[in-house]
Protein backbone atom coordinates (compact mmCIF):
# COMPACT_ATOMS: atom_id res chain seq x y z
CA MET A 1 104.86 105.38 108.50
CA ARG A 2 102.14 102.80 108.96
CA LEU A 3 102.52 99.04 108.70
CA THR A 4 99.66 96.77 107.70
CA LYS A 5 100.24 93.07 108.26
CA LEU A 6 98.42 90.87 105.74
CA GLU A 7 98.16 87.08 105.63
CA HIS A 8 101.35 85.08 106.06
CA ALA A 9 104.40 87.02 104.86
CA THR A 10 102.93 90.07 103.13
CA LEU A 11 103.51 93.52 104.58
CA VAL A 12 102.34 96.91 103.31
CA LEU A 13 104.07 100.10 104.39
CA GLU A 14 102.39 103.47 103.85
CA LYS A 15 103.96 106.90 104.13
CA SER A 16 102.93 110.24 102.64
CA GLY A 17 100.19 108.52 100.64
CA ARG A 18 102.57 106.04 99.01
CA ARG A 19 102.91 102.31 99.52
CA LEU A 20 105.65 99.72 99.61
CA VAL A 21 104.59 96.06 99.29
CA VAL A 22 106.78 93.28 100.68
CA ASP A 23 106.41 89.60 99.73
CA PRO A 24 102.98 89.49 98.03
CA GLY A 25 102.72 85.72 97.96
CA GLY A 26 100.28 82.97 97.17
CA PHE A 27 99.05 82.54 100.76
CA THR A 28 97.83 86.15 100.83
CA ALA A 29 94.48 87.38 99.54
CA PRO A 30 94.68 89.96 96.74
CA LEU A 31 95.48 93.37 98.16
CA ALA A 32 92.30 95.39 98.68
CA ASP A 33 94.08 98.52 97.49
CA ALA A 34 97.45 98.44 95.75
CA SER A 35 97.23 101.93 94.27
CA ASN A 36 100.07 104.40 94.82
CA THR A 37 102.57 101.58 95.29
CA VAL A 38 106.08 102.84 94.51
CA ALA A 39 108.02 99.57 94.84
CA ILE A 40 107.79 95.87 95.65
CA VAL A 41 110.32 93.85 97.65
CA ILE A 42 110.50 90.05 97.31
CA THR A 43 112.83 88.35 99.77
CA HIS A 44 113.11 85.01 97.92
CA GLU A 45 111.61 82.83 95.22
CA HIS A 46 109.20 80.57 97.15
CA GLY A 47 105.58 80.87 96.10
CA ASP A 48 104.30 81.90 99.53
CA HIS A 49 106.36 85.08 99.11
CA TRP A 50 105.47 86.03 95.54
CA SER A 51 103.11 84.92 92.82
CA PRO A 52 102.64 86.01 89.22
CA ASP A 53 99.00 86.91 89.91
CA GLN A 54 99.94 89.16 92.82
CA LEU A 55 102.71 90.89 90.87
CA ASN A 56 100.56 91.37 87.78
CA ARG A 57 97.77 92.88 89.85
CA ILE A 58 100.04 95.38 91.60
CA LEU A 59 102.00 96.26 88.46
CA SER A 60 98.85 96.79 86.41
CA LEU A 61 97.88 99.56 88.82
CA ASN A 62 101.41 100.92 89.10
CA PRO A 63 103.22 100.31 85.81
CA GLY A 64 106.96 100.68 85.75
CA ILE A 65 107.61 100.50 89.49
CA PRO A 66 110.74 98.59 90.58
CA VAL A 67 110.63 95.06 91.96
CA PHE A 68 113.64 94.46 94.21
CA ALA A 69 114.68 90.85 94.85
CA PRO A 70 117.71 88.54 94.97
CA SER A 71 119.04 86.80 91.88
CA GLY A 72 117.05 83.61 92.57
CA VAL A 73 113.82 85.53 92.10
CA ALA A 74 115.07 87.03 88.84
CA ALA A 75 115.78 83.50 87.58
CA ALA A 76 112.34 82.26 88.65
CA ALA A 77 110.27 85.29 87.60
CA THR A 78 111.49 85.64 84.04
CA ASP A 79 108.28 87.35 82.88
CA PHE A 80 109.01 90.30 85.17
CA ASP A 81 111.65 93.01 85.26
CA ILE A 82 113.45 92.29 88.54
CA THR A 83 116.04 94.66 89.99
CA VAL A 84 118.53 92.31 91.67
CA VAL A 85 119.72 93.29 95.15
CA LYS A 86 122.12 91.65 97.57
CA ALA A 87 123.54 92.12 101.05
CA GLY A 88 125.01 95.59 101.49
CA ASP A 89 122.85 97.27 98.85
CA GLU A 90 120.86 100.39 99.72
CA VAL A 91 118.22 101.95 97.48
CA THR A 92 115.76 104.79 97.90
CA VAL A 93 112.34 104.97 96.28
CA GLU A 94 110.73 107.95 97.94
CA PRO A 95 109.58 107.95 100.65
CA PHE A 96 111.22 104.59 101.41
CA THR A 97 114.88 103.71 101.93
CA LEU A 98 115.71 100.01 101.74
CA ARG A 99 118.83 98.34 103.12
CA PHE A 100 119.43 94.67 102.34
CA PHE A 101 121.04 91.98 104.48
CA GLY A 102 121.95 88.33 104.15
CA GLU A 103 122.26 85.92 101.27
CA LYS A 104 120.49 82.60 101.89
CA HIS A 105 117.22 81.07 103.05
CA ALA A 106 117.26 79.09 106.29
CA VAL A 107 117.94 75.38 105.80
CA ILE A 108 114.78 73.27 105.53
CA HIS A 109 116.54 69.92 105.03
CA GLU A 110 119.89 68.82 103.66
CA THR A 111 118.17 67.27 100.62
CA LEU A 112 116.56 70.57 99.59
CA PRO A 113 118.36 73.42 97.82
CA VAL A 114 119.10 76.55 99.84
CA VAL A 115 117.76 79.45 97.78
CA ASP A 116 118.77 83.11 97.76
CA ASN A 117 117.14 85.30 100.41
CA VAL A 118 117.56 88.92 101.48
CA GLY A 119 116.34 90.63 104.61
CA VAL A 120 115.26 94.26 104.32
CA LEU A 121 115.46 97.21 106.70
CA ILE A 122 112.90 99.85 105.76
CA ASN A 123 113.54 103.48 106.67
CA ASP A 124 115.97 102.30 109.38
CA THR A 125 112.87 101.27 111.36
CA LEU A 126 111.32 97.94 110.30
CA TYR A 127 113.47 94.87 109.74
CA TYR A 128 112.02 91.84 107.96
CA PRO A 129 114.44 88.91 107.50
CA GLY A 130 112.44 86.95 104.94
CA ASP A 131 112.93 83.23 105.56
CA SER A 132 116.16 83.55 107.50
CA TYR A 133 117.67 84.29 110.87
CA THR A 134 119.98 86.92 109.42
CA VAL A 135 120.83 89.42 112.16
CA PRO A 136 121.35 92.87 110.61
CA GLY A 137 123.88 94.06 113.15
CA VAL A 138 122.16 97.42 113.58
CA ASP A 139 119.60 98.73 116.06
CA VAL A 140 116.11 97.54 115.13
CA ASP A 141 113.03 99.45 116.20
CA VAL A 142 110.45 96.97 114.82
CA LEU A 143 111.11 93.33 113.93
CA ALA A 144 108.85 91.16 111.78
CA ALA A 145 109.63 87.87 113.52
CA PRO A 146 108.92 84.56 111.72
CA ILE A 147 106.74 82.35 113.93
CA GLY A 148 106.03 79.22 111.89
CA ALA A 149 107.63 77.47 108.89
CA PRO A 150 109.01 74.11 107.71
CA TRP A 151 112.48 75.47 108.53
CA LEU A 152 111.56 77.00 111.90
CA LYS A 153 112.02 75.63 115.40
CA ILE A 154 110.55 77.99 117.99
CA GLY A 155 113.73 77.89 120.07
CA ASP A 156 115.73 79.15 117.09
CA ALA A 157 113.15 81.87 116.46
CA MET A 158 113.41 82.92 120.10
CA ASP A 159 117.21 83.07 119.87
CA PHE A 160 116.89 85.23 116.76
CA VAL A 161 114.63 87.71 118.57
CA LEU A 162 116.95 87.70 121.58
CA GLU A 163 119.93 88.52 119.38
CA VAL A 164 118.22 91.27 117.39
CA ALA A 165 116.72 92.75 120.61
CA PRO A 166 114.11 94.94 118.90
CA LYS A 167 112.15 97.65 120.66
CA ARG A 168 108.99 96.17 119.15
CA ALA A 169 108.20 92.87 117.43
CA PHE A 170 105.25 91.17 115.77
CA PRO A 171 104.75 87.71 114.25
CA THR A 172 104.85 86.90 110.57
CA HIS A 173 104.92 83.73 108.42
CA GLU A 174 102.05 82.24 110.42
CA MET A 175 99.88 80.46 107.84
CA THR A 176 101.54 77.11 108.54
CA LEU A 177 100.22 77.18 112.13
CA SER A 178 96.87 76.47 113.76
CA ALA A 179 95.33 79.04 116.09
CA ALA A 180 96.75 77.08 119.02
CA GLY A 181 100.19 77.00 117.44
CA LYS A 182 100.13 80.74 116.86
CA GLY A 183 99.25 81.27 120.49
CA ILE A 184 102.05 79.06 121.78
CA GLY A 185 104.62 80.55 119.43
CA GLY A 186 103.45 84.07 120.22
CA GLU A 187 103.98 83.53 123.92
CA ARG A 188 107.55 82.44 123.26
CA LEU A 189 108.34 85.34 120.95
CA GLN A 190 106.77 87.77 123.41
CA TRP A 191 109.05 86.45 126.15
CA ALA A 192 112.10 86.81 123.91
CA THR A 193 111.14 90.36 122.91
CA GLU A 194 110.64 91.40 126.51
CA GLN A 195 114.07 90.12 127.56
CA GLY A 196 115.59 93.02 125.63
CA GLY A 197 113.10 95.51 127.00
CA GLY A 198 110.92 95.42 123.91
CA GLU A 199 107.17 95.14 123.40
CA TYR A 200 105.43 92.38 121.46
CA PHE A 201 102.37 93.05 119.30
CA PRO A 202 100.36 89.91 118.32
CA LEU A 203 99.22 91.33 114.99
CA THR A 204 96.80 89.35 112.87
CA PRO A 205 96.03 89.87 109.15
CA GLY A 206 94.61 93.35 108.60
CA ASP A 207 96.07 94.81 111.81
CA THR A 208 98.14 97.98 111.61
CA LEU A 209 101.00 99.43 113.59
CA ASP A 210 102.28 103.01 113.44
CA LEU A 211 106.06 103.05 113.16
């Protein structure tokens, strides 16, 4: 299975010539090739994690594929057929098995609503928490670790990586940071990954990692 990290929060997984797209949001350029996509996962309703244009583009090339997301996305994306998932659910769309964790987005501020959010474990290998610090409670080979966000303090992100203790980690959710900020945050997440014996990969948009 091969991971391609795109801008901000979008990930593409490829296996056996088929693709899974995670969080195709408004901060991400249109996918260069969305053919042979078998499913889409959206972790929550915020526009940097999904947009109508991105969904329409992918679905036009792959009509009828499922879009898995929590109930908040279904309420926000009423023009689309959303398959609602929640913590504890497991679905298989060959060649991908998806296990879902968690219920809510990390708190941004007490005045702002806390929306639904699910993390996803793909093929028991890659864990992506969406906008949360939900720890899956299972061994994680590869962690997509949030590095920058209105809700993120780098110390909390480090604690999250320390608790998950992945074998490998890479940064995601980086479009809110300058180049300098990405560098500083990356150093901290690398340290946290290495405390558990893992290896940190400072992927940038377009980089790939074989899982």
